C-alpha atoms as a PDB file:
ATOM      1  CA  MET A   1      57.845  18.149  40.191  1.00  0.00           C
ATOM      2  CA  ILE A   2      60.518  20.245  38.437  1.00  0.00           C
ATOM      3  CA  LEU A   3      59.883  23.114  40.830  1.00  0.00           C
ATOM      4  CA  PHE A   4      60.180  20.779  43.818  1.00  0.00           C
ATOM      5  CA  ILE A   5      63.498  19.379  42.565  1.00  0.00           C
ATOM      6  CA  SER A   6      65.074  22.741  41.765  1.00  0.00           C
ATOM      7  CA  GLN A   7      63.691  24.810  44.629  1.00  0.00           C
ATOM      8  CA  ILE A   8      63.424  22.367  47.505  1.00  0.00           C
ATOM      9  CA  PHE A   9      65.125  19.024  46.832  1.00  0.00           C
ATOM     10  CA  LYS A  10      68.483  20.354  45.657  1.00  0.00           C
ATOM     11  CA  PRO A  11      69.070  22.831  48.532  1.00  0.00           C
ATOM     12  CA  LEU A  12      67.867  20.271  51.057  1.00  0.00           C
ATOM     13  CA  ILE A  13      70.176  17.544  49.729  1.00  0.00           C
ATOM     14  CA  GLU A  14      73.129  19.942  49.687  1.00  0.00           C
ATOM     15  CA  LYS A  15      72.562  20.886  53.342  1.00  0.00           C
ATOM     16  CA  LEU A  16      72.130  17.283  54.426  1.00  0.00           C
ATOM     17  CA  HIS A  17      75.224  16.240  52.478  1.00  0.00           C
ATOM     18  CA  ASN A  18      77.324  18.976  54.062  1.00  0.00           C
ATOM     19  CA  ARG A  19      76.194  17.752  57.477  1.00  0.00           C
ATOM     20  CA  LYS A  20      76.884  14.118  56.490  1.00  0.00           C
ATOM     21  CA  MET A  21      73.262  13.185  57.157  1.00  0.00           C
ATOM     22  CA  TYR A  22      73.270  10.419  54.568  1.00  0.00           C
ATOM     23  CA  SER A  23      70.409   8.361  55.950  1.00  0.00           C
ATOM     24  CA  CYS A  24      68.194  11.463  55.725  1.00  0.00           C
ATOM     25  CA  ILE A  25      69.159  11.919  52.083  1.00  0.00           C
ATOM     26  CA  VAL A  26      68.192   8.309  51.391  1.00  0.00           C
ATOM     27  CA  ARG A  27      64.808   8.772  53.072  1.00  0.00           C
ATOM     28  CA  VAL A  28      64.061  11.967  51.131  1.00  0.00           C
ATOM     29  CA  SER A  29      65.329  10.498  47.833  1.00  0.00           C
ATOM     30  CA  THR A  30      63.045   7.474  48.008  1.00  0.00           C
ATOM     31  CA  LYS A  31      60.207   9.787  46.987  1.00  0.00           C
ATOM     32  CA  LEU A  32      61.856  10.373  43.589  1.00  0.00           C
ATOM     33  CA  THR A  33      62.470   8.032  40.706  1.00  0.00           C
ATOM     34  CA  ASP A  34      66.000   7.139  39.637  1.00  0.00           C
ATOM     35  CA  LYS A  35      65.549   9.242  36.515  1.00  0.00           C
ATOM     36  CA  GLU A  36      64.477  12.269  38.548  1.00  0.00           C
ATOM     37  CA  ILE A  37      67.500  11.951  40.798  1.00  0.00           C
ATOM     38  CA  ILE A  38      69.896  11.518  37.851  1.00  0.00           C
ATOM     39  CA  GLU A  39      68.450  14.590  36.156  1.00  0.00           C
ATOM     40  CA  SER A  40      68.712  16.668  39.329  1.00  0.00           C
ATOM     41  CA  ASN A  41      71.840  18.680  40.025  1.00  0.00           C
ATOM     42  CA  CYS A  42      72.491  16.705  43.198  1.00  0.00           C
ATOM     43  CA  ALA A  43      72.614  13.173  41.837  1.00  0.00           C
ATOM     44  CA  PHE A  44      76.175  12.648  43.017  1.00  0.00           C
ATOM     45  CA  GLU A  45      75.263  13.575  46.586  1.00  0.00           C
ATOM     46  CA  CYS A  46      72.313  11.175  46.467  1.00  0.00           C
ATOM     47  CA  ALA A  47      74.439   8.359  45.042  1.00  0.00           C
ATOM     48  CA  TYR A  48      77.084   8.994  47.706  1.00  0.00           C
ATOM     49  CA  ALA A  49      74.437   8.804  50.440  1.00  0.00           C
ATOM     50  CA  PHE A  50      72.985   5.580  49.021  1.00  0.00           C
ATOM     51  CA  LYS A  51      76.489   4.054  48.910  1.00  0.00           C
ATOM     52  CA  ASN A  52      77.253   5.223  52.437  1.00  0.00           C
ATOM     53  CA  CYS A  53      74.047   3.532  53.645  1.00  0.00           C
ATOM     54  CA  ASN A  54      74.784   0.323  51.705  1.00  0.00           C
ATOM     55  CA  ASN A  55      71.771   0.893  49.481  1.00  0.00           C
ATOM     56  CA  THR A  56      71.935  -0.838  46.075  1.00  0.00           C
ATOM     57  CA  ARG A  57      70.356   2.211  44.449  1.00  0.00           C
ATOM     58  CA  ALA A  58      73.806   3.862  44.513  1.00  0.00           C
ATOM     59  CA  GLN A  59      74.964   1.783  41.546  1.00  0.00           C
ATOM     60  CA  ILE A  60      71.939   2.828  39.491  1.00  0.00           C
ATOM     61  CA  ILE A  61      72.506   6.528  40.193  1.00  0.00           C
ATOM     62  CA  TYR A  62      76.274   6.345  39.563  1.00  0.00           C
ATOM     63  CA  THR A  63      75.668   4.502  36.275  1.00  0.00           C
ATOM     64  CA  GLY A  64      73.128   7.113  35.243  1.00  0.00           C
ATOM     65  CA  LEU A  65      75.582   9.895  36.069  1.00  0.00           C
ATOM     66  CA  VAL A  66      78.287   8.308  33.936  1.00  0.00           C
ATOM     67  CA  LYS A  67      75.866   7.877  31.008  1.00  0.00           C
ATOM     68  CA  LYS A  68      74.770  11.489  31.340  1.00  0.00           C
ATOM     69  CA  LYS A  69      78.304  12.860  31.647  1.00  0.00           C
ATOM     70  CA  PRO A  70      80.905  10.257  30.615  1.00  0.00           C
ATOM     71  CA  LYS A  71      83.812  12.473  31.641  1.00  0.00           C
ATOM     72  CA  ASN A  72      82.517  12.966  35.177  1.00  0.00           C
ATOM     73  CA  SER A  73      85.496  11.790  37.214  1.00  0.00           C
ATOM     74  CA  SER A  74      83.558  11.990  40.483  1.00  0.00           C
ATOM     75  CA  ALA A  75      81.064   9.359  39.399  1.00  0.00           C
END
């Protein structure tokens, strides 16, 4: 799973985020656990997409980001 997250998930999420394809990010992200998303290097983009699609999972991801990096002003 680590290889998938670093080699496929992260670049895919970045491209979708740049194109503002938030519903696609939500669909792809549903295959991962909250912990896997939070540990990925694209958790903010996933949380942003969840929020944009009115998905309650956004709060979980944002909270996890703040716990992981309390000084993260973006989260």
